[in-house]
């Protein structure tokens, strides 16, 4: 007998196998997407860190704490062109704390600097905390501060 094509049963088996493979791949792809987004935010942090040090070298001071999503005007010239204080659903804020008594580990350091990151995605925040290797990070499931050291 000369058969052409597939029977309905064979076609259904192929579709079931493809569905099983897709169910395995989609969660793994989501984890990779979240990790890539966290890596992008860490890259943005590095750009802000360099801009802050550039500002300090030029003017002898750091910008004051800014508003969410707003780049401090003093940093604009040192950041890459078209740099935004947002990425997808994450929003950034420049933060500068004045410490009259200095840090416990370094009493002569009277300023603590950081970049606050806010997002409603707790998976992104957890991935960001795991991806940030430059220093101290602290916060909540929806907001994290990356400290500039």
Protein backbone atom coordinates (compact mmCIF):
# COMPACT_ATOMS: atom_id res chain seq x y z
CA UNK A 1 0.00 0.00 0.00
CA UNK A 2 1.39 3.42 -1.04
CA UNK A 3 0.60 5.94 1.69
CA UNK A 4 1.21 9.65 1.38
CA UNK A 5 1.19 11.97 4.40
CA UNK A 6 0.52 11.22 8.03
CA UNK A 7 -2.43 9.74 9.79
CA UNK A 8 -4.36 11.81 12.29
CA UNK A 9 -2.88 9.81 15.20
CA UNK A 10 0.69 10.43 13.99
CA UNK A 11 -0.03 14.12 13.62
CA UNK A 12 -1.52 14.31 17.12
CA UNK A 13 1.55 12.57 18.61
CA UNK A 14 3.86 15.08 16.92
CA UNK A 15 1.76 17.99 18.24
CA UNK A 16 1.79 16.56 21.79
CA UNK A 17 5.58 16.12 21.69
CA UNK A 18 6.02 19.71 20.45
CA UNK A 19 3.73 21.00 23.21
CA UNK A 20 5.74 19.15 25.87
CA UNK A 21 9.00 20.60 24.52
CA UNK A 22 7.50 24.10 24.43
CA UNK A 23 6.35 23.75 28.07
CA UNK A 24 9.91 22.92 29.03
CA UNK A 25 11.49 25.75 27.02
CA UNK A 26 9.21 28.70 27.88
CA UNK A 27 10.05 28.91 31.62
CA UNK A 28 13.77 28.61 30.86
CA UNK A 29 13.52 31.42 28.31
CA UNK A 30 11.71 33.60 30.86
CA UNK A 31 14.49 33.07 33.40
CA UNK A 32 17.07 34.04 30.77
CA UNK A 33 15.07 37.17 29.85
CA UNK A 34 14.89 38.27 33.50
CA UNK A 35 18.63 37.68 33.99
CA UNK A 36 19.39 39.68 30.83
CA UNK A 37 17.22 42.55 32.09
CA UNK A 38 19.06 42.46 35.43
CA UNK A 39 22.41 42.54 33.62
CA UNK A 40 21.22 45.57 31.63
CA UNK A 41 20.30 47.39 34.84
CA UNK A 42 23.73 46.58 36.34
CA UNK A 43 25.28 48.06 33.18
CA UNK A 44 23.17 51.19 33.64
CA UNK A 45 24.36 51.36 37.26
CA UNK A 46 27.99 51.27 36.07
CA UNK A 47 27.31 54.14 33.65
CA UNK A 48 25.76 56.20 36.46
CA UNK A 49 28.65 55.34 38.81
CA UNK A 50 31.23 56.54 36.27
CA UNK A 51 29.19 59.71 35.60
CA UNK A 52 29.03 60.43 39.36
CA UNK A 53 32.79 60.09 39.75
CA UNK A 54 33.30 62.24 36.65
CA UNK A 55 31.05 64.90 38.19
CA UNK A 56 32.98 64.74 41.46
CA UNK A 57 36.31 65.08 39.63
CA UNK A 58 35.04 68.13 37.72
CA UNK A 59 33.08 69.95 40.44
CA UNK A 60 34.14 68.45 43.77
CA UNK A 61 30.61 67.40 44.72
CA UNK A 62 27.93 64.86 43.95
CA UNK A 63 24.36 65.69 42.87
CA UNK A 64 21.64 65.75 45.50
CA UNK A 65 19.05 62.97 45.62
CA UNK A 66 16.84 63.13 42.56
CA UNK A 67 13.29 62.16 41.63
CA UNK A 68 12.26 58.77 40.29
CA UNK A 69 12.93 58.53 36.56
CA UNK A 70 14.75 61.89 36.43
CA UNK A 71 18.44 62.13 35.59
CA UNK A 72 20.18 64.68 37.81
CA UNK A 73 21.13 67.56 35.49
CA UNK A 74 24.73 67.43 36.77
CA UNK A 75 25.12 63.88 35.41
CA UNK A 76 23.60 64.37 31.94
CA UNK A 77 26.84 65.43 30.27
CA UNK A 78 28.72 62.40 31.61
CA UNK A 79 26.13 59.77 30.67
CA UNK A 80 25.81 58.14 27.24
CA UNK A 81 23.53 59.99 24.82
CA UNK A 82 19.85 59.04 25.10
CA UNK A 83 20.46 57.49 28.52
CA UNK A 84 17.22 57.10 30.46
CA UNK A 85 16.51 56.56 34.14
CA UNK A 86 14.08 53.81 33.15
CA UNK A 87 14.44 50.41 31.57
CA UNK A 88 11.34 48.43 30.61
CA UNK A 89 9.25 48.50 33.82
CA UNK A 90 12.18 49.48 36.10
CA UNK A 91 12.67 53.10 37.18
CA UNK A 92 15.87 54.55 38.66
CA UNK A 93 16.58 57.30 41.17
CA UNK A 94 19.93 58.84 42.08
CA UNK A 95 20.40 58.82 45.85
CA UNK A 96 22.92 60.71 47.96
CA UNK A 97 22.96 60.42 51.75
CA UNK A 98 24.89 62.91 53.87
CA UNK A 99 26.47 61.18 56.85
CA UNK A 100 27.61 63.75 59.45
CA UNK A 101 29.46 61.09 61.46
CA UNK A 102 30.76 59.24 58.40
CA UNK A 103 30.49 55.55 57.72
CA UNK A 104 31.12 53.15 60.62
CA UNK A 105 33.95 51.58 58.62
CA UNK A 106 35.30 54.93 57.39
CA UNK A 107 34.42 57.98 59.55
CA UNK A 108 36.02 60.35 57.01
CA UNK A 109 33.55 59.36 54.28
CA UNK A 110 30.60 61.70 54.77
CA UNK A 111 28.56 60.78 51.67
CA UNK A 112 26.97 57.48 50.70
CA UNK A 113 25.86 57.19 47.08
CA UNK A 114 23.49 54.79 45.41
CA UNK A 115 21.13 54.11 42.55
CA UNK A 116 17.63 53.10 43.63
CA UNK A 117 15.82 50.72 41.27
CA UNK A 118 12.07 50.23 41.51
CA UNK A 119 10.00 47.59 39.68
CA UNK A 120 6.78 45.70 40.28
CA UNK A 121 8.49 42.51 39.05
CA UNK A 122 9.88 40.67 42.11
CA UNK A 123 11.66 38.17 39.84
CA UNK A 124 13.60 41.02 38.25
CA UNK A 125 14.48 42.46 41.66
CA UNK A 126 15.70 39.07 42.89
CA UNK A 127 17.75 38.58 39.72
CA UNK A 128 19.18 42.10 40.11
CA UNK A 129 20.25 41.42 43.70
CA UNK A 130 21.95 38.25 42.48
CA UNK A 131 23.61 39.92 39.48
CA UNK A 132 24.95 42.93 41.39
CA UNK A 133 28.48 42.01 42.43
CA UNK A 134 29.98 45.49 42.78
CA UNK A 135 29.13 46.11 46.40
CA UNK A 136 26.22 46.41 48.77
CA UNK A 137 22.62 46.06 47.62
CA UNK A 138 19.64 46.30 49.96
CA UNK A 139 15.92 46.84 49.67
CA UNK A 140 12.51 45.24 49.37
CA UNK A 141 10.94 42.89 46.80
CA UNK A 142 9.94 45.91 44.66
CA UNK A 143 12.77 48.38 45.37
CA UNK A 144 16.51 47.90 45.70
CA UNK A 145 19.39 50.31 46.30
CA UNK A 146 22.71 49.59 44.62
CA UNK A 147 25.41 51.33 46.64
CA UNK A 148 28.27 53.05 44.85
CA UNK A 149 31.53 52.28 46.61
